[in-house]
Amino acid sequence: MNRPDLTGTLRAGLLLAALACVVAPEALAAQSPSDVRYERRSAGESALVTRVEFAAGNLQVRPLRSRELLYSVQLRYDGEVFQPVHRFQDGRLVVGTEGTGQTRTVRRDDAGTRMELALSRRIPTDLGLELGATRSELELGGIALSTLQIKSGAADTRISVSERNPEEMDRVRVEVGAASLRGTGLGRLRASRWIVDAGVGDVRLEFQGLERAETHVTARVGLGALDVRVPDDAGIRVTRSTLLSGFNTPGLVRDGDAWVSENWDTAEIRISIHVDAAFGSVTIRPESFGSTSREP
């Protein structure tokens, strides 16, 4: 599978922003030199591209409460090891931390570095996150997401989607290294395509709130584990391209080269999952999350 290089995209964004030397005029520095705050009011933008590169510490992403702001960032960082990154130009935001060149062991729960990023509920946002040794809590419900990309190294990532995405999404791409990721309420993102690379990580995806007529998931599993839960009133069809991994489909029945739910032919909402697995384990099952009927 050919996959875009998210790292290259983020670094290109950093270089572009650095050359432009544009900092939001609303950026406000807190009293402590290790605490900074940035925010920008909406100025007629029709879209926002946001790239987050966060090496270590604790990250929170949530929807904005204010309708006037485009984004808000609060960042506390260890000045001996990291320095803040914040660039904005032509509707493109690059934010996070980068190393100072000093050597110190970083940890997922590094109390010296934490960031809270809040994004607009009104402006369609292409969001890309590259996470290092982090603990990340991503509450994406209500953010107007047009595209979502998550690339995690040694991150412990939790995604929750408690509200319906105001935008329909073309795709979500998730790449997990030696990390764990769990997502709940993912159907509310309203994405038509999911591309998941589990690597050697542990990934659990729960698709509560499905409303699109067709959702397609392509998953590659190396030495990791993939656990997918789908509402039991949605139609499910699963195919795979290898026989080498642990493969569990409780509640599904064999239909030629596929495994399907009993309601596949009659369901108004369907999810098709293709798995390319090596030595990892894959479990895909229907589960009672409540109705998948379309939310207002």
Protein backbone atom coordinates (compact mmCIF):
# COMPACT_ATOMS: atom_id res chain seq x y z
CA MET A 1 0.00 0.00 0.00
CA ASN A 2 1.43 3.39 -0.96
CA ARG A 3 0.96 5.84 1.88
CA PRO A 4 1.71 9.58 1.90
CA ASP A 5 4.68 10.57 4.07
CA LEU A 6 3.00 12.53 6.86
CA THR A 7 6.40 13.31 8.42
CA GLY A 8 7.60 14.89 5.19
CA THR A 9 4.39 16.90 4.90
CA LEU A 10 4.73 18.25 8.42
CA ARG A 11 8.40 19.14 8.01
CA ALA A 12 7.66 20.89 4.72
CA GLY A 13 4.98 22.89 6.52
CA LEU A 14 7.44 23.84 9.25
CA LEU A 15 9.99 25.03 6.67
CA LEU A 16 7.40 27.03 4.74
CA ALA A 17 6.15 28.69 7.89
CA ALA A 18 9.67 29.44 9.12
CA LEU A 19 10.53 31.17 5.84
CA ALA A 20 7.37 33.22 6.04
CA CYS A 21 8.16 34.24 9.63
CA VAL A 22 4.49 34.87 10.36
CA VAL A 23 3.22 34.68 13.93
CA ALA A 24 -0.40 35.23 14.82
CA PRO A 25 -0.88 38.83 15.99
CA GLU A 26 -3.12 37.56 18.75
CA ALA A 27 -0.38 35.31 20.22
CA LEU A 28 -0.06 36.01 23.92
CA ALA A 29 2.83 34.85 26.09
CA ALA A 30 2.08 33.79 29.65
CA GLN A 31 4.11 35.09 32.58
CA SER A 32 6.36 32.07 32.81
CA PRO A 33 8.89 31.66 29.95
CA SER A 34 7.94 27.96 29.82
CA ASP A 35 4.23 28.69 29.26
CA VAL A 36 2.86 30.19 26.05
CA ARG A 37 -0.58 30.77 24.63
CA TYR A 38 -1.53 31.40 21.01
CA GLU A 39 -4.93 32.17 19.59
CA ARG A 40 -6.30 33.66 16.40
CA ARG A 41 -9.66 35.09 15.52
CA SER A 42 -11.36 33.93 12.38
CA ALA A 43 -10.83 36.40 9.52
CA GLY A 44 -13.01 34.92 6.82
CA GLU A 45 -11.04 31.71 6.33
CA SER A 46 -12.94 29.05 4.39
CA ALA A 47 -10.65 26.21 5.52
CA LEU A 48 -7.83 25.47 7.96
CA VAL A 49 -4.88 23.10 7.58
CA THR A 50 -3.43 22.15 10.97
CA ARG A 51 -0.22 20.16 11.49
CA VAL A 52 0.81 19.10 14.99
CA GLU A 53 4.27 17.70 15.74
CA PHE A 54 4.54 16.77 19.41
CA ALA A 55 7.59 14.85 20.60
CA ALA A 56 6.78 14.02 24.24
CA GLY A 57 4.42 14.88 27.04
CA ASN A 58 0.66 15.20 27.29
CA LEU A 59 -1.54 16.38 24.43
CA GLN A 60 -5.21 17.31 24.45
CA VAL A 61 -7.30 18.24 21.41
CA ARG A 62 -10.87 19.50 21.76
CA PRO A 63 -13.43 21.71 20.00
CA LEU A 64 -13.45 25.43 20.68
CA ARG A 65 -16.13 26.98 22.83
CA SER A 66 -15.77 30.37 21.13
CA ARG A 67 -17.35 30.92 17.69
CA GLU A 68 -15.05 33.85 16.96
CA LEU A 69 -11.74 32.01 17.29
CA LEU A 70 -10.08 29.93 14.57
CA TYR A 71 -7.85 28.07 17.04
CA SER A 72 -6.39 28.30 20.53
CA VAL A 73 -3.17 26.72 21.83
CA GLN A 74 -1.86 26.48 25.39
CA LEU A 75 1.62 25.00 25.67
CA ARG A 76 3.86 24.27 28.65
CA TYR A 77 7.30 22.96 27.74
CA ASP A 78 10.64 22.02 29.26
CA GLY A 79 12.91 24.75 27.94
CA GLU A 80 16.03 22.67 28.45
CA VAL A 81 14.89 20.09 25.93
CA PHE A 82 12.12 21.62 23.80
CA GLN A 83 11.14 24.89 22.25
CA PRO A 84 7.66 25.82 21.06
CA VAL A 85 6.68 25.86 17.40
CA HIS A 86 3.87 28.09 16.17
CA ARG A 87 3.46 29.34 12.61
CA PHE A 88 0.38 30.53 10.76
CA GLN A 89 0.14 31.65 7.15
CA ASP A 90 -2.62 31.57 4.55
CA GLY A 91 -4.88 29.27 6.53
CA ARG A 92 -2.11 26.84 7.50
CA LEU A 93 -1.20 26.29 11.16
CA VAL A 94 1.91 24.43 12.33
CA VAL A 95 2.17 23.95 16.09
CA GLY A 96 3.97 21.77 18.61
CA THR A 97 7.48 21.33 19.96
CA GLU A 98 10.94 20.72 18.56
CA GLY A 99 14.17 19.71 20.26
CA THR A 100 16.82 22.16 21.43
CA GLY A 101 19.67 19.67 20.93
CA GLN A 102 20.00 18.94 24.65
CA THR A 103 19.90 15.27 25.66
CA ARG A 104 17.45 13.93 28.19
CA THR A 105 15.28 10.83 28.35
CA VAL A 106 11.69 11.71 27.46
CA ARG A 107 8.65 9.89 28.77
CA ARG A 108 5.02 9.60 27.75
CA ASP A 109 3.90 11.23 31.01
CA ASP A 110 6.57 13.92 30.85
CA ALA A 111 5.03 16.49 33.20
CA GLY A 112 7.31 19.22 31.83
CA THR A 113 5.57 19.34 28.47
CA ARG A 114 1.87 19.50 27.71
CA MET A 115 -0.27 21.11 25.07
CA GLU A 116 -3.97 21.80 24.65
CA LEU A 117 -5.19 22.55 21.14
CA ALA A 118 -8.75 23.72 20.51
CA LEU A 119 -10.12 23.93 16.97
CA SER A 120 -13.11 25.57 15.33
CA ARG A 121 -16.52 23.99 15.10
CA ARG A 122 -17.30 26.07 11.99
CA ILE A 123 -14.22 26.08 9.72
CA PRO A 124 -13.48 22.83 7.80
CA THR A 125 -10.14 21.56 9.10
CA ASP A 126 -7.56 19.20 7.63
CA LEU A 127 -5.89 17.87 10.81
CA GLY A 128 -2.59 15.97 10.87
CA LEU A 129 -0.87 14.83 14.07
CA GLU A 130 2.60 13.30 14.42
CA LEU A 131 3.05 12.02 17.97
CA GLY A 132 6.20 10.79 19.70
CA ALA A 133 6.38 9.55 23.29
CA THR A 134 3.07 11.08 24.29
CA ARG A 135 -0.15 10.50 26.13
CA SER A 136 -2.85 11.97 23.94
CA GLU A 137 -6.54 12.59 24.60
CA LEU A 138 -8.30 13.65 21.41
CA GLU A 139 -11.92 14.77 21.81
CA LEU A 140 -12.82 15.33 18.18
CA GLY A 141 -16.59 15.55 18.57
CA GLY A 142 -17.94 18.78 17.09
CA ILE A 143 -14.73 19.85 15.32
CA ALA A 144 -15.41 20.50 11.62
CA LEU A 145 -12.95 17.92 10.28
CA SER A 146 -12.53 17.43 6.53
CA THR A 147 -9.51 15.09 6.78
CA LEU A 148 -7.75 13.40 9.70
CA GLN A 149 -4.26 11.85 9.79
CA ILE A 150 -2.65 10.43 12.94
CA LYS A 151 0.87 9.04 13.01
CA SER A 152 2.05 7.80 16.41
CA GLY A 153 5.38 6.35 17.46
CA ALA A 154 5.43 5.39 21.15
CA ALA A 155 2.17 7.18 21.90
CA ASP A 156 -0.73 6.12 24.07
CA THR A 157 -3.64 7.69 22.19
CA ARG A 158 -7.32 7.88 23.08
CA ILE A 159 -9.83 9.26 20.58
CA SER A 160 -13.41 10.05 21.48
CA VAL A 161 -16.09 11.49 19.22
CA SER A 162 -19.01 12.49 21.41
CA GLU A 163 -20.66 14.77 18.83
CA ARG A 164 -21.40 14.47 15.12
CA ASN A 165 -18.80 15.96 12.78
CA PRO A 166 -20.35 19.00 11.02
CA GLU A 167 -18.45 17.95 7.86
CA GLU A 168 -18.53 14.75 5.85
CA MET A 169 -14.97 13.40 5.60
CA ASP A 170 -13.26 11.80 2.63
CA ARG A 171 -10.78 9.79 4.68
CA VAL A 172 -9.08 9.05 7.99
CA ARG A 173 -5.53 7.69 8.02
CA VAL A 174 -4.06 6.12 11.18
CA GLU A 175 -0.49 4.83 11.49
CA VAL A 176 0.54 3.26 14.81
CA GLY A 177 4.08 2.11 15.62
CA ALA A 178 4.98 0.61 19.00
CA ALA A 179 1.96 2.26 20.54
CA SER A 180 -1.64 1.82 21.60
CA LEU A 181 -4.64 3.59 20.17
CA ARG A 182 -8.30 3.33 21.10
CA GLY A 183 -11.11 5.19 19.43
CA THR A 184 -14.79 5.38 20.41
CA GLY A 185 -17.72 6.97 18.60
CA LEU A 186 -15.79 6.87 15.33
CA GLY A 187 -18.87 6.59 13.14
CA ARG A 188 -19.69 10.18 14.14
CA LEU A 189 -16.66 11.40 12.18
CA ARG A 190 -18.69 10.63 9.02
CA ALA A 191 -15.66 9.39 7.09
CA SER A 192 -16.20 7.38 3.91
CA ARG A 193 -12.74 5.74 4.03
CA TRP A 194 -10.42 4.56 6.79
CA ILE A 195 -6.80 3.52 6.20
CA VAL A 196 -5.24 1.87 9.25
CA ASP A 197 -1.65 0.66 9.69
CA ALA A 198 -1.33 -1.16 13.02
CA GLY A 199 2.41 -1.99 12.70
CA VAL A 200 3.40 -3.53 16.03
CA GLY A 201 0.86 -1.50 17.97
CA ASP A 202 -2.42 -2.33 19.68
CA VAL A 203 -5.42 -0.69 17.99
CA ARG A 204 -9.10 -0.82 18.97
CA LEU A 205 -11.68 1.01 16.87
CA GLU A 206 -15.33 1.33 17.88
CA PHE A 207 -17.66 2.68 15.20
CA GLN A 208 -20.62 3.92 17.22
CA GLY A 209 -22.75 6.49 15.39
CA LEU A 210 -22.33 5.21 11.82
CA GLU A 211 -24.64 7.08 9.46
CA ARG A 212 -23.09 6.99 5.99
CA ALA A 213 -24.60 4.40 3.67
CA GLU A 214 -21.14 2.99 2.86
CA THR A 215 -17.93 3.06 4.90
CA HIS A 216 -14.74 1.37 3.69
CA VAL A 217 -11.86 0.34 5.97
CA THR A 218 -8.46 -0.93 4.77
CA ALA A 219 -6.21 -2.23 7.55
CA ARG A 220 -2.64 -3.50 7.54
CA VAL A 221 -1.44 -5.40 10.61
CA GLY A 222 2.21 -6.37 11.18
CA LEU A 223 2.95 -7.77 14.62
CA GLY A 224 0.25 -5.76 16.27
CA ALA A 225 -3.36 -6.36 17.23
CA LEU A 226 -6.45 -4.87 15.61
CA ASP A 227 -9.87 -5.02 17.29
CA VAL A 228 -12.81 -3.51 15.37
CA ARG A 229 -16.30 -3.18 16.88
CA VAL A 230 -19.25 -2.32 14.63
CA PRO A 231 -22.88 -1.62 15.64
CA ASP A 232 -24.87 -4.81 15.25
CA ASP A 233 -27.57 -3.17 13.15
CA ALA A 234 -25.02 -2.21 10.46
CA GLY A 235 -24.16 -4.59 7.64
CA ILE A 236 -20.58 -5.90 7.89
CA ARG A 237 -18.44 -7.49 5.18
CA VAL A 238 -14.83 -8.56 5.83
CA THR A 239 -12.17 -9.81 3.42
CA ARG A 240 -8.50 -10.60 3.99
CA SER A 241 -5.42 -11.13 1.84
CA THR A 242 -3.38 -13.48 4.06
CA LEU A 243 -3.85 -16.63 6.14
CA LEU A 244 -0.90 -16.07 8.50
CA SER A 245 -2.45 -14.06 11.33
CA GLY A 246 -4.96 -14.75 14.07
CA PHE A 247 -8.31 -13.91 12.52
CA ASN A 248 -11.53 -13.81 14.56
CA THR A 249 -14.94 -12.81 13.25
CA PRO A 250 -17.52 -13.81 15.90
CA GLY A 251 -21.07 -13.18 14.75
CA LEU A 252 -20.16 -13.24 11.05
CA VAL A 253 -20.68 -16.08 8.55
CA ARG A 254 -18.55 -17.24 5.64
CA ASP A 255 -19.79 -16.15 2.20
CA GLY A 256 -17.32 -17.21 -0.50
CA ASP A 257 -14.07 -15.35 0.16
CA ALA A 258 -15.74 -12.98 2.65
CA TRP A 259 -17.26 -13.00 6.13
CA VAL A 260 -20.55 -11.14 6.40
CA SER A 261 -23.19 -10.26 8.95
CA GLU A 262 -26.61 -11.87 8.52
CA ASN A 263 -28.14 -8.48 7.68
CA TRP A 264 -25.58 -7.58 4.98
CA ASP A 265 -28.11 -7.76 2.12
CA THR A 266 -30.77 -5.70 3.88
CA ALA A 267 -28.86 -3.16 5.99
CA GLU A 268 -29.23 0.52 5.09
CA ILE A 269 -25.81 1.27 6.59
CA ARG A 270 -22.85 -0.91 5.65
CA ILE A 271 -19.16 -1.14 6.49
CA SER A 272 -16.68 -3.09 4.34
CA ILE A 273 -13.34 -4.05 5.92
CA HIS A 274 -10.31 -5.44 4.10
CA VAL A 275 -7.41 -6.75 6.20
CA ASP A 276 -3.83 -7.33 5.07
CA ALA A 277 -2.19 -9.07 8.03
CA ALA A 278 1.18 -10.71 8.62
CA PHE A 279 1.72 -12.12 12.11
CA GLY A 280 -0.61 -9.95 14.16
CA SER A 281 -4.12 -10.69 15.39
CA VAL A 282 -7.38 -9.33 14.02
CA THR A 283 -10.82 -9.38 15.63
CA ILE A 284 -13.90 -7.89 13.93
CA ARG A 285 -17.29 -8.23 15.54
CA PRO A 286 -20.75 -6.70 15.73
CA GLU A 287 -21.63 -5.18 19.08
CA SER A 288 -24.72 -3.61 20.60
CA PHE A 289 -23.98 0.13 20.75
CA GLY A 290 -27.53 1.27 20.02
CA SER A 291 -29.09 2.30 16.74
CA THR A 292 -27.05 3.48 13.77
CA SER A 293 -29.96 5.60 12.57
CA ARG A 294 -28.97 8.99 11.22
CA GLU A 295 -28.50 11.64 13.86
CA PRO A 296 -30.09 15.08 13.43
